[in-house]
């Protein structure tokens, strides 16, 4: 397991404990202690004490803010509130939530995506065989796209066969990044011309996830936790006996792609601009030292709807 994966699991465990400790005095709580719980606890046990302290502070700050927005979590009731870690494979099906908070008695749940110094929304790949169009928005890539990318991946296959490192390629930006990203953008435009609003919405759902949720990001060097509610379907911020202390508006999905293009002065990053304030940056890069026949995207949100709220909570 990589250090990043270990730290991510440890932070998930910190959130389980923060929520449990806060809620046990006010209602019945059950933390599901399955194999995923045990893996998170093992990661927690491995990290040094100073990191444990930071993660506990980060989780306390994030949990407190979510409790302000979701009174159904701490509301008194005869049912048991369950807190559990999601299976790793859930993200493949479009569920990016790491932790679920469930009240089966009222058929209600919310989810939390836990990040540690990580602001990317996806790390998708492009290759000679991966049909990103079908995976991202349900429309298979065109023959033109496969024709456009073939010379790039033929070149990469040749370099891989020669056991070359990426640093040994004479002009990887010109020979690999630029033509591949140009083909990627052209395919987005072709697919949008056919599918319009459906493509724009489906693409955001792929990048953000198929469920409303809270993203919590521990920013260690600033000692703050950033809490970002993704409330695109109106399923967050529900109440019954008590009103939320943090009101979260519903944000709209996009209906149109307004423009696409390379980021100024960059050969490795392209940007997609949509209506309702949505903007995404796609930085392509090699994820290994040796040449591979696939490349990885680091996908960032660079613009959000005006209704989107992000709150930085100081650690205490």
C-alpha atoms as a PDB file:
ATOM      1  CA  UNK A   1       0.000   0.000   0.000  1.00  0.00           C
ATOM      2  CA  UNK A   2       1.304   3.457  -0.908  1.00  0.00           C
ATOM      3  CA  UNK A   3       1.822   6.131   1.744  1.00  0.00           C
ATOM      4  CA  UNK A   4      -0.998   8.207   0.235  1.00  0.00           C
ATOM      5  CA  UNK A   5      -3.416   5.273   0.424  1.00  0.00           C
ATOM      6  CA  UNK A   6      -2.361   4.512   3.973  1.00  0.00           C
ATOM      7  CA  UNK A   7      -2.845   8.104   5.050  1.00  0.00           C
ATOM      8  CA  UNK A   8      -6.227   8.257   3.331  1.00  0.00           C
ATOM      9  CA  UNK A   9      -7.449   5.192   5.175  1.00  0.00           C
ATOM     10  CA  UNK A  10      -6.110   6.545   8.455  1.00  0.00           C
ATOM     11  CA  UNK A  11      -8.026   9.793   7.937  1.00  0.00           C
ATOM     12  CA  UNK A  12     -11.197   7.804   7.250  1.00  0.00           C
ATOM     13  CA  UNK A  13     -10.680   6.072  10.607  1.00  0.00           C
ATOM     14  CA  UNK A  14     -10.249   9.468  12.275  1.00  0.00           C
ATOM     15  CA  UNK A  15     -13.648  10.518  10.903  1.00  0.00           C
ATOM     16  CA  UNK A  16     -15.296   7.341  12.186  1.00  0.00           C
ATOM     17  CA  UNK A  17     -13.983   8.049  15.668  1.00  0.00           C
ATOM     18  CA  UNK A  18     -14.794  11.780  15.546  1.00  0.00           C
ATOM     19  CA  UNK A  19     -18.399  11.116  14.554  1.00  0.00           C
ATOM     20  CA  UNK A  20     -18.812   8.279  17.032  1.00  0.00           C
ATOM     21  CA  UNK A  21     -17.400  10.270  19.961  1.00  0.00           C
ATOM     22  CA  UNK A  22     -19.588  13.249  19.178  1.00  0.00           C
ATOM     23  CA  UNK A  23     -22.808  11.268  18.704  1.00  0.00           C
ATOM     24  CA  UNK A  24     -22.716   8.560  21.374  1.00  0.00           C
ATOM     25  CA  UNK A  25     -23.815  10.952  24.159  1.00  0.00           C
ATOM     26  CA  UNK A  26     -26.938  11.974  22.214  1.00  0.00           C
ATOM     27  CA  UNK A  27     -28.146   8.886  20.329  1.00  0.00           C
ATOM     28  CA  UNK A  28     -27.577   5.214  19.522  1.00  0.00           C
ATOM     29  CA  UNK A  29     -24.621   4.752  17.140  1.00  0.00           C
ATOM     30  CA  UNK A  30     -23.118   1.695  15.492  1.00  0.00           C
ATOM     31  CA  UNK A  31     -19.798   1.735  13.655  1.00  0.00           C
ATOM     32  CA  UNK A  32     -19.629  -1.207  11.260  1.00  0.00           C
ATOM     33  CA  UNK A  33     -16.428  -3.083  12.108  1.00  0.00           C
ATOM     34  CA  UNK A  34     -15.909  -5.037   8.906  1.00  0.00           C
ATOM     35  CA  UNK A  35     -12.798  -5.678   6.822  1.00  0.00           C
ATOM     36  CA  UNK A  36     -12.743  -2.077   5.595  1.00  0.00           C
ATOM     37  CA  UNK A  37     -12.900  -0.810   9.171  1.00  0.00           C
ATOM     38  CA  UNK A  38     -10.031  -3.113  10.144  1.00  0.00           C
ATOM     39  CA  UNK A  39      -7.936  -1.902   7.191  1.00  0.00           C
ATOM     40  CA  UNK A  40      -8.545   1.729   8.186  1.00  0.00           C
ATOM     41  CA  UNK A  41      -7.671   0.986  11.819  1.00  0.00           C
ATOM     42  CA  UNK A  42      -4.471  -0.797  10.765  1.00  0.00           C
ATOM     43  CA  UNK A  43      -3.468   2.275   8.751  1.00  0.00           C
ATOM     44  CA  UNK A  44      -4.272   4.500  11.735  1.00  0.00           C
ATOM     45  CA  UNK A  45      -2.088   2.349  13.969  1.00  0.00           C
ATOM     46  CA  UNK A  46       0.827   2.682  11.512  1.00  0.00           C
ATOM     47  CA  UNK A  47       0.982   6.473  11.255  1.00  0.00           C
ATOM     48  CA  UNK A  48       3.160   8.489  13.696  1.00  0.00           C
ATOM     49  CA  UNK A  49       1.653  10.216  16.719  1.00  0.00           C
ATOM     50  CA  UNK A  50       1.971  13.737  15.318  1.00  0.00           C
ATOM     51  CA  UNK A  51       0.005  12.674  12.234  1.00  0.00           C
ATOM     52  CA  UNK A  52      -2.624  11.041  14.457  1.00  0.00           C
ATOM     53  CA  UNK A  53      -3.037  14.360  16.242  1.00  0.00           C
ATOM     54  CA  UNK A  54      -3.397  16.303  12.990  1.00  0.00           C
ATOM     55  CA  UNK A  55      -5.855  13.821  11.520  1.00  0.00           C
ATOM     56  CA  UNK A  56      -7.962  13.854  14.696  1.00  0.00           C
ATOM     57  CA  UNK A  57      -8.089  17.662  14.633  1.00  0.00           C
ATOM     58  CA  UNK A  58      -8.925  17.640  10.925  1.00  0.00           C
ATOM     59  CA  UNK A  59     -11.720  15.101  11.389  1.00  0.00           C
ATOM     60  CA  UNK A  60     -13.166  16.921  14.393  1.00  0.00           C
ATOM     61  CA  UNK A  61     -13.368  20.176  12.433  1.00  0.00           C
ATOM     62  CA  UNK A  62     -14.938  18.568   9.369  1.00  0.00           C
ATOM     63  CA  UNK A  63     -17.414  16.487  11.379  1.00  0.00           C
ATOM     64  CA  UNK A  64     -18.548  19.511  13.381  1.00  0.00           C
ATOM     65  CA  UNK A  65     -19.378  21.445  10.206  1.00  0.00           C
ATOM     66  CA  UNK A  66     -21.305  18.532   8.701  1.00  0.00           C
ATOM     67  CA  UNK A  67     -23.311  18.126  11.912  1.00  0.00           C
ATOM     68  CA  UNK A  68     -24.331  21.786  11.594  1.00  0.00           C
ATOM     69  CA  UNK A  69     -25.685  21.092   8.111  1.00  0.00           C
ATOM     70  CA  UNK A  70     -27.303  17.706   8.827  1.00  0.00           C
ATOM     71  CA  UNK A  71     -29.483  17.730  11.968  1.00  0.00           C
ATOM     72  CA  UNK A  72     -30.862  14.276  11.106  1.00  0.00           C
ATOM     73  CA  UNK A  73     -27.505  12.819  12.154  1.00  0.00           C
ATOM     74  CA  UNK A  74     -27.763  13.872  15.804  1.00  0.00           C
ATOM     75  CA  UNK A  75     -31.553  14.040  16.077  1.00  0.00           C
ATOM     76  CA  UNK A  76     -32.920  11.893  18.891  1.00  0.00           C
ATOM     77  CA  UNK A  77     -34.678   8.712  17.799  1.00  0.00           C
ATOM     78  CA  UNK A  78     -35.230   5.077  18.637  1.00  0.00           C
ATOM     79  CA  UNK A  79     -33.392   3.885  15.529  1.00  0.00           C
ATOM     80  CA  UNK A  80     -29.662   3.188  15.367  1.00  0.00           C
ATOM     81  CA  UNK A  81     -27.420   5.464  13.322  1.00  0.00           C
ATOM     82  CA  UNK A  82     -24.894   3.408  11.354  1.00  0.00           C
ATOM     83  CA  UNK A  83     -21.495   4.712  10.259  1.00  0.00           C
ATOM     84  CA  UNK A  84     -19.540   2.616   7.770  1.00  0.00           C
ATOM     85  CA  UNK A  85     -16.700   2.767   5.251  1.00  0.00           C
ATOM     86  CA  UNK A  86     -17.616   2.109   1.639  1.00  0.00           C
ATOM     87  CA  UNK A  87     -15.993  -0.679  -0.421  1.00  0.00           C
ATOM     88  CA  UNK A  88     -13.090   0.525  -2.575  1.00  0.00           C
ATOM     89  CA  UNK A  89     -14.947  -0.558  -5.713  1.00  0.00           C
ATOM     90  CA  UNK A  90     -17.847   1.831  -5.118  1.00  0.00           C
ATOM     91  CA  UNK A  91     -16.029   4.608  -6.957  1.00  0.00           C
ATOM     92  CA  UNK A  92     -15.970   2.519 -10.141  1.00  0.00           C
ATOM     93  CA  UNK A  93     -19.770   2.630 -10.128  1.00  0.00           C
ATOM     94  CA  UNK A  94     -19.821   6.406  -9.684  1.00  0.00           C
ATOM     95  CA  UNK A  95     -20.117   6.552  -5.887  1.00  0.00           C
ATOM     96  CA  UNK A  96     -17.193   8.645  -4.646  1.00  0.00           C
ATOM     97  CA  UNK A  97     -18.309   8.625  -0.999  1.00  0.00           C
ATOM     98  CA  UNK A  98     -15.830   7.029   1.410  1.00  0.00           C
ATOM     99  CA  UNK A  99     -17.987   7.055   4.551  1.00  0.00           C
ATOM    100  CA  UNK A 100     -21.746   6.532   4.802  1.00  0.00           C
ATOM    101  CA  UNK A 101     -23.935   7.762   7.651  1.00  0.00           C
ATOM    102  CA  UNK A 102     -27.214   5.834   7.597  1.00  0.00           C
ATOM    103  CA  UNK A 103     -30.533   5.877   9.458  1.00  0.00           C
ATOM    104  CA  UNK A 104     -32.391   2.884   8.061  1.00  0.00           C
ATOM    105  CA  UNK A 105     -35.431   3.634  10.236  1.00  0.00           C
ATOM    106  CA  UNK A 106     -36.216   6.759   8.216  1.00  0.00           C
ATOM    107  CA  UNK A 107     -34.649   5.559   4.923  1.00  0.00           C
ATOM    108  CA  UNK A 108     -32.014   8.288   4.977  1.00  0.00           C
ATOM    109  CA  UNK A 109     -28.284   8.468   4.392  1.00  0.00           C
ATOM    110  CA  UNK A 110     -25.525  10.895   3.488  1.00  0.00           C
ATOM    111  CA  UNK A 111     -21.938  10.318   2.448  1.00  0.00           C
ATOM    112  CA  UNK A 112     -18.536  11.891   2.967  1.00  0.00           C
ATOM    113  CA  UNK A 113     -15.550  11.869   0.600  1.00  0.00           C
ATOM    114  CA  UNK A 114     -12.385  12.134   2.705  1.00  0.00           C
ATOM    115  CA  UNK A 115      -9.225  13.681   1.240  1.00  0.00           C
ATOM    116  CA  UNK A 116      -5.846  14.625   2.687  1.00  0.00           C
ATOM    117  CA  UNK A 117      -4.135  17.471   0.784  1.00  0.00           C
ATOM    118  CA  UNK A 118      -5.793  16.245  -2.410  1.00  0.00           C
ATOM    119  CA  UNK A 119      -7.926  18.573  -4.544  1.00  0.00           C
ATOM    120  CA  UNK A 120      -8.342  16.480  -7.706  1.00  0.00           C
ATOM    121  CA  UNK A 121     -11.761  15.109  -8.598  1.00  0.00           C
ATOM    122  CA  UNK A 122     -10.562  12.236 -10.800  1.00  0.00           C
ATOM    123  CA  UNK A 123      -7.426  10.505 -12.039  1.00  0.00           C
ATOM    124  CA  UNK A 124      -8.789   8.989 -15.250  1.00  0.00           C
ATOM    125  CA  UNK A 125      -6.659   7.507 -18.023  1.00  0.00           C
ATOM    126  CA  UNK A 126      -6.473   7.597 -21.813  1.00  0.00           C
ATOM    127  CA  UNK A 127      -5.139   4.664 -23.826  1.00  0.00           C
ATOM    128  CA  UNK A 128      -5.465   3.053 -27.238  1.00  0.00           C
ATOM    129  CA  UNK A 129      -8.300   0.855 -25.966  1.00  0.00           C
ATOM    130  CA  UNK A 130     -10.080   2.847 -23.209  1.00  0.00           C
ATOM    131  CA  UNK A 131     -13.318   4.304 -24.563  1.00  0.00           C
ATOM    132  CA  UNK A 132     -13.460   7.433 -22.426  1.00  0.00           C
ATOM    133  CA  UNK A 133     -16.617   8.667 -24.190  1.00  0.00           C
ATOM    134  CA  UNK A 134     -18.648   5.612 -23.201  1.00  0.00           C
ATOM    135  CA  UNK A 135     -17.289   5.656 -19.653  1.00  0.00           C
ATOM    136  CA  UNK A 136     -17.579   9.397 -19.090  1.00  0.00           C
ATOM    137  CA  UNK A 137     -20.891  10.253 -20.716  1.00  0.00           C
ATOM    138  CA  UNK A 138     -22.386   7.147 -22.303  1.00  0.00           C
ATOM    139  CA  UNK A 139     -21.479   7.853 -25.971  1.00  0.00           C
ATOM    140  CA  UNK A 140     -18.894   5.629 -27.636  1.00  0.00           C
ATOM    141  CA  UNK A 141     -15.871   7.361 -29.117  1.00  0.00           C
ATOM    142  CA  UNK A 142     -15.956   7.881 -32.874  1.00  0.00           C
ATOM    143  CA  UNK A 143     -13.806   6.148 -35.468  1.00  0.00           C
ATOM    144  CA  UNK A 144     -12.184   9.524 -36.088  1.00  0.00           C
ATOM    145  CA  UNK A 145     -10.983   9.637 -32.468  1.00  0.00           C
ATOM    146  CA  UNK A 146      -9.430   6.168 -32.659  1.00  0.00           C
ATOM    147  CA  UNK A 147      -7.758   7.119 -35.937  1.00  0.00           C
ATOM    148  CA  UNK A 148      -6.399  10.359 -34.448  1.00  0.00           C
ATOM    149  CA  UNK A 149      -4.845   8.727 -31.372  1.00  0.00           C
ATOM    150  CA  UNK A 150      -3.408   5.650 -33.124  1.00  0.00           C
ATOM    151  CA  UNK A 151      -0.099   7.284 -34.189  1.00  0.00           C
ATOM    152  CA  UNK A 152       0.484   8.502 -30.618  1.00  0.00           C
ATOM    153  CA  UNK A 153       0.031   5.097 -29.037  1.00  0.00           C
ATOM    154  CA  UNK A 154       1.941   3.338 -31.827  1.00  0.00           C
ATOM    155  CA  UNK A 155       4.839   5.656 -30.961  1.00  0.00           C
ATOM    156  CA  UNK A 156       4.471   4.901 -27.234  1.00  0.00           C
ATOM    157  CA  UNK A 157       4.376   1.153 -27.915  1.00  0.00           C
ATOM    158  CA  UNK A 158       7.629   1.462 -29.850  1.00  0.00           C
ATOM    159  CA  UNK A 159       9.255   3.459 -27.019  1.00  0.00           C
ATOM    160  CA  UNK A 160       8.040   0.973 -24.437  1.00  0.00           C
ATOM    161  CA  UNK A 161       9.482  -1.873 -26.483  1.00  0.00           C
ATOM    162  CA  UNK A 162      12.822  -0.072 -26.361  1.00  0.00           C
ATOM    163  CA  UNK A 163      12.503   0.182 -22.543  1.00  0.00           C
ATOM    164  CA  UNK A 164      12.769   3.967 -22.619  1.00  0.00           C
ATOM    165  CA  UNK A 165      12.067   6.333 -19.757  1.00  0.00           C
ATOM    166  CA  UNK A 166       9.720   9.247 -20.303  1.00  0.00           C
ATOM    167  CA  UNK A 167      12.652  11.589 -19.729  1.00  0.00           C
ATOM    168  CA  UNK A 168      14.438  10.059 -22.708  1.00  0.00           C
ATOM    169  CA  UNK A 169      11.767  11.044 -25.223  1.00  0.00           C
ATOM    170  CA  UNK A 170      13.075  13.952 -27.302  1.00  0.00           C
ATOM    171  CA  UNK A 171       9.770  15.906 -27.329  1.00  0.00           C
ATOM    172  CA  UNK A 172       7.048  14.185 -25.313  1.00  0.00           C
ATOM    173  CA  UNK A 173       4.860  17.306 -25.218  1.00  0.00           C
ATOM    174  CA  UNK A 174       4.935  17.785 -29.012  1.00  0.00           C
ATOM    175  CA  UNK A 175       4.831  14.080 -29.925  1.00  0.00           C
ATOM    176  CA  UNK A 176       2.464  12.776 -27.220  1.00  0.00           C
ATOM    177  CA  UNK A 177       0.664  15.320 -25.057  1.00  0.00           C
ATOM    178  CA  UNK A 178      -0.437  17.868 -27.666  1.00  0.00           C
ATOM    179  CA  UNK A 179      -1.789  15.443 -30.325  1.00  0.00           C
ATOM    180  CA  UNK A 180      -3.500  13.293 -27.704  1.00  0.00           C
ATOM    181  CA  UNK A 181      -5.156  16.260 -25.983  1.00  0.00           C
ATOM    182  CA  UNK A 182      -6.138  17.727 -29.351  1.00  0.00           C
ATOM    183  CA  UNK A 183      -7.879  14.452 -30.247  1.00  0.00           C
ATOM    184  CA  UNK A 184      -9.533  14.374 -26.811  1.00  0.00           C
ATOM    185  CA  UNK A 185     -10.986  17.878 -27.194  1.00  0.00           C
ATOM    186  CA  UNK A 186     -12.117  17.215 -30.757  1.00  0.00           C
ATOM    187  CA  UNK A 187     -13.992  14.128 -29.586  1.00  0.00           C
ATOM    188  CA  UNK A 188     -15.675  16.090 -26.789  1.00  0.00           C
ATOM    189  CA  UNK A 189     -16.875  18.630 -29.366  1.00  0.00           C
ATOM    190  CA  UNK A 190     -18.104  15.927 -31.769  1.00  0.00           C
ATOM    191  CA  UNK A 191     -20.001  14.117 -29.016  1.00  0.00           C
ATOM    192  CA  UNK A 192     -21.487  17.360 -27.679  1.00  0.00           C
ATOM    193  CA  UNK A 193     -22.752  18.270 -31.154  1.00  0.00           C
ATOM    194  CA  UNK A 194     -24.753  15.001 -31.120  1.00  0.00           C
ATOM    195  CA  UNK A 195     -25.821  14.730 -27.489  1.00  0.00           C
ATOM    196  CA  UNK A 196     -25.844  18.292 -26.115  1.00  0.00           C
ATOM    197  CA  UNK A 197     -27.301  18.741 -22.627  1.00  0.00           C
ATOM    198  CA  UNK A 198     -27.215  15.004 -21.866  1.00  0.00           C
ATOM    199  CA  UNK A 199     -23.463  14.909 -22.460  1.00  0.00           C
ATOM    200  CA  UNK A 200     -22.775  17.980 -20.305  1.00  0.00           C
ATOM    201  CA  UNK A 201     -24.775  16.601 -17.359  1.00  0.00           C
ATOM    202  CA  UNK A 202     -23.412  13.062 -17.674  1.00  0.00           C
ATOM    203  CA  UNK A 203     -19.846  14.320 -17.864  1.00  0.00           C
ATOM    204  CA  UNK A 204     -20.218  16.284 -14.618  1.00  0.00           C
ATOM    205  CA  UNK A 205     -21.847  13.282 -12.960  1.00  0.00           C
ATOM    206  CA  UNK A 206     -18.887  11.155 -14.017  1.00  0.00           C
ATOM    207  CA  UNK A 207     -16.392  13.687 -12.669  1.00  0.00           C
ATOM    208  CA  UNK A 208     -18.266  14.552  -9.456  1.00  0.00           C
ATOM    209  CA  UNK A 209     -20.173  11.351  -8.694  1.00  0.00           C
ATOM    210  CA  UNK A 210     -23.702   9.987  -8.870  1.00  0.00           C
ATOM    211  CA  UNK A 211     -24.674  10.953  -5.317  1.00  0.00           C
ATOM    212  CA  UNK A 212     -24.876  14.188  -3.361  1.00  0.00           C
ATOM    213  CA  UNK A 213     -22.155  14.224  -0.698  1.00  0.00           C
ATOM    214  CA  UNK A 214     -19.732  16.250   1.396  1.00  0.00           C
ATOM    215  CA  UNK A 215     -16.087  16.430   0.381  1.00  0.00           C
ATOM    216  CA  UNK A 216     -13.781  17.113   3.325  1.00  0.00           C
ATOM    217  CA  UNK A 217     -10.166  18.008   2.585  1.00  0.00           C
ATOM    218  CA  UNK A 218      -7.562  18.231   5.335  1.00  0.00           C
ATOM    219  CA  UNK A 219      -5.109  21.019   4.464  1.00  0.00           C
ATOM    220  CA  UNK A 220      -2.318  20.271   6.892  1.00  0.00           C
ATOM    221  CA  UNK A 221      -0.009  23.220   6.278  1.00  0.00           C
ATOM    222  CA  UNK A 222      -2.863  25.658   6.977  1.00  0.00           C
ATOM    223  CA  UNK A 223      -4.393  23.564   9.780  1.00  0.00           C
ATOM    224  CA  UNK A 224      -7.856  23.829   8.281  1.00  0.00           C
ATOM    225  CA  UNK A 225     -10.414  21.382   6.932  1.00  0.00           C
ATOM    226  CA  UNK A 226     -12.221  22.453   3.776  1.00  0.00           C
ATOM    227  CA  UNK A 227     -15.830  21.254   3.666  1.00  0.00           C
ATOM    228  CA  UNK A 228     -17.493  21.279   0.252  1.00  0.00           C
ATOM    229  CA  UNK A 229     -21.119  20.121  -0.091  1.00  0.00           C
ATOM    230  CA  UNK A 230     -22.020  18.811  -3.541  1.00  0.00           C
ATOM    231  CA  UNK A 231     -25.787  19.285  -3.448  1.00  0.00           C
ATOM    232  CA  UNK A 232     -26.854  18.873  -7.065  1.00  0.00           C
ATOM    233  CA  UNK A 233     -29.984  16.810  -6.444  1.00  0.00           C
ATOM    234  CA  UNK A 234     -31.227  18.446  -3.253  1.00  0.00           C
ATOM    235  CA  UNK A 235     -30.549  15.441  -1.016  1.00  0.00           C
ATOM    236  CA  UNK A 236     -28.354  17.235   1.510  1.00  0.00           C
ATOM    237  CA  UNK A 237     -29.383  19.571   4.344  1.00  0.00           C
ATOM    238  CA  UNK A 238     -32.611  17.727   5.232  1.00  0.00           C
ATOM    239  CA  UNK A 239     -34.330  18.338   8.565  1.00  0.00           C
ATOM    240  CA  UNK A 240     -37.170  17.126  10.714  1.00  0.00           C
ATOM    241  CA  UNK A 241     -37.276  18.335  14.327  1.00  0.00           C
ATOM    242  CA  UNK A 242     -34.465  20.900  14.056  1.00  0.00           C
ATOM    243  CA  UNK A 243     -33.446  23.228  11.255  1.00  0.00           C
ATOM    244  CA  UNK A 244     -29.881  23.070   9.936  1.00  0.00           C
ATOM    245  CA  UNK A 245     -27.458  25.646  11.301  1.00  0.00           C
ATOM    246  CA  UNK A 246     -25.736  25.765   7.899  1.00  0.00           C
ATOM    247  CA  UNK A 247     -28.019  26.237   4.903  1.00  0.00           C
ATOM    248  CA  UNK A 248     -26.854  24.686   1.617  1.00  0.00           C
ATOM    249  CA  UNK A 249     -28.455  25.710  -1.674  1.00  0.00           C
ATOM    250  CA  UNK A 250     -28.936  23.294  -4.556  1.00  0.00           C
ATOM    251  CA  UNK A 251     -26.480  23.801  -7.434  1.00  0.00           C
ATOM    252  CA  UNK A 252     -27.537  23.223 -11.047  1.00  0.00           C
ATOM    253  CA  UNK A 253     -26.004  20.785 -13.506  1.00  0.00           C
ATOM    254  CA  UNK A 254     -24.689  22.286 -16.748  1.00  0.00           C
ATOM    255  CA  UNK A 255     -26.737  22.194 -19.923  1.00  0.00           C
ATOM    256  CA  UNK A 256     -24.166  23.479 -22.406  1.00  0.00           C
ATOM    257  CA  UNK A 257     -20.463  23.225 -23.149  1.00  0.00           C
ATOM    258  CA  UNK A 258     -19.443  26.786 -23.934  1.00  0.00           C
ATOM    259  CA  UNK A 259     -15.871  26.207 -25.016  1.00  0.00           C
ATOM    260  CA  UNK A 260     -12.816  23.949 -24.903  1.00  0.00           C
ATOM    261  CA  UNK A 261      -9.124  24.611 -25.418  1.00  0.00           C
ATOM    262  CA  UNK A 262      -5.579  24.420 -24.167  1.00  0.00           C
ATOM    263  CA  UNK A 263      -4.724  26.311 -21.023  1.00  0.00           C
ATOM    264  CA  UNK A 264      -2.660  29.367 -22.013  1.00  0.00           C
ATOM    265  CA  UNK A 265       1.085  28.646 -22.189  1.00  0.00           C
ATOM    266  CA  UNK A 266       0.553  24.932 -21.507  1.00  0.00           C
ATOM    267  CA  UNK A 267       1.080  21.848 -23.651  1.00  0.00           C
ATOM    268  CA  UNK A 268      -0.196  19.412 -21.031  1.00  0.00           C
ATOM    269  CA  UNK A 269      -3.435  20.954 -19.716  1.00  0.00           C
ATOM    270  CA  UNK A 270      -6.744  21.555 -21.453  1.00  0.00           C
ATOM    271  CA  UNK A 271      -9.852  23.256 -20.083  1.00  0.00           C
ATOM    272  CA  UNK A 272     -13.571  22.722 -20.609  1.00  0.00           C
ATOM    273  CA  UNK A 273     -16.017  25.541 -19.865  1.00  0.00           C
ATOM    274  CA  UNK A 274     -19.733  24.910 -19.311  1.00  0.00           C
ATOM    275  CA  UNK A 275     -22.715  27.030 -18.373  1.00  0.00           C
ATOM    276  CA  UNK A 276     -23.924  27.464 -14.782  1.00  0.00           C
ATOM    277  CA  UNK A 277     -20.331  28.192 -13.765  1.00  0.00           C
ATOM    278  CA  UNK A 278     -18.770  24.747 -14.308  1.00  0.00           C
ATOM    279  CA  UNK A 279     -15.131  24.710 -15.434  1.00  0.00           C
ATOM    280  CA  UNK A 280     -12.647  21.829 -15.400  1.00  0.00           C
ATOM    281  CA  UNK A 281      -8.904  21.530 -16.012  1.00  0.00           C
ATOM    282  CA  UNK A 282      -7.423  18.289 -17.391  1.00  0.00           C
ATOM    283  CA  UNK A 283      -3.662  17.924 -16.928  1.00  0.00           C
ATOM    284  CA  UNK A 284      -2.226  14.877 -18.658  1.00  0.00           C
ATOM    285  CA  UNK A 285       0.960  13.311 -17.353  1.00  0.00           C
ATOM    286  CA  UNK A 286       2.992  10.139 -17.235  1.00  0.00           C
ATOM    287  CA  UNK A 287       2.394   8.354 -13.947  1.00  0.00           C
ATOM    288  CA  UNK A 288       5.607   6.302 -14.044  1.00  0.00           C
ATOM    289  CA  UNK A 289       9.284   6.583 -14.897  1.00  0.00           C
ATOM    290  CA  UNK A 290       9.147   4.079 -17.761  1.00  0.00           C
ATOM    291  CA  UNK A 291       7.106   4.783 -20.862  1.00  0.00           C
ATOM    292  CA  UNK A 292       3.635   3.214 -20.699  1.00  0.00           C
ATOM    293  CA  UNK A 293       0.917   2.911 -23.325  1.00  0.00           C
ATOM    294  CA  UNK A 294      -1.556   4.910 -21.238  1.00  0.00           C
ATOM    295  CA  UNK A 295      -1.502   8.363 -19.698  1.00  0.00           C
ATOM    296  CA  UNK A 296      -3.160   9.729 -16.619  1.00  0.00           C
ATOM    297  CA  UNK A 297      -5.336  12.803 -16.117  1.00  0.00           C
ATOM    298  CA  UNK A 298      -5.210  14.972 -13.025  1.00  0.00           C
ATOM    299  CA  UNK A 299      -8.671  16.569 -13.236  1.00  0.00           C
ATOM    300  CA  UNK A 300      -9.391  19.686 -11.208  1.00  0.00           C
ATOM    301  CA  UNK A 301     -12.475  21.850 -10.775  1.00  0.00           C
ATOM    302  CA  UNK A 302     -11.489  25.407 -11.698  1.00  0.00           C
ATOM    303  CA  UNK A 303     -14.978  26.920 -11.653  1.00  0.00           C
ATOM    304  CA  UNK A 304     -18.216  26.144  -9.803  1.00  0.00           C
ATOM    305  CA  UNK A 305     -21.799  27.479  -9.800  1.00  0.00           C
ATOM    306  CA  UNK A 306     -22.339  30.699  -7.847  1.00  0.00           C
ATOM    307  CA  UNK A 307     -24.536  28.734  -5.428  1.00  0.00           C
ATOM    308  CA  UNK A 308     -21.677  26.408  -4.482  1.00  0.00           C
ATOM    309  CA  UNK A 309     -20.414  26.866  -0.914  1.00  0.00           C
ATOM    310  CA  UNK A 310     -16.980  25.947   0.449  1.00  0.00           C
ATOM    311  CA  UNK A 311     -16.086  26.491   4.099  1.00  0.00           C
ATOM    312  CA  UNK A 312     -12.617  26.332   5.693  1.00  0.00           C
ATOM    313  CA  UNK A 313     -12.823  25.179   9.325  1.00  0.00           C
ATOM    314  CA  UNK A 314      -9.892  25.933  11.601  1.00  0.00           C
ATOM    315  CA  UNK A 315      -8.512  23.116  13.726  1.00  0.00           C
ATOM    316  CA  UNK A 316      -8.951  23.550  17.447  1.00  0.00           C
END
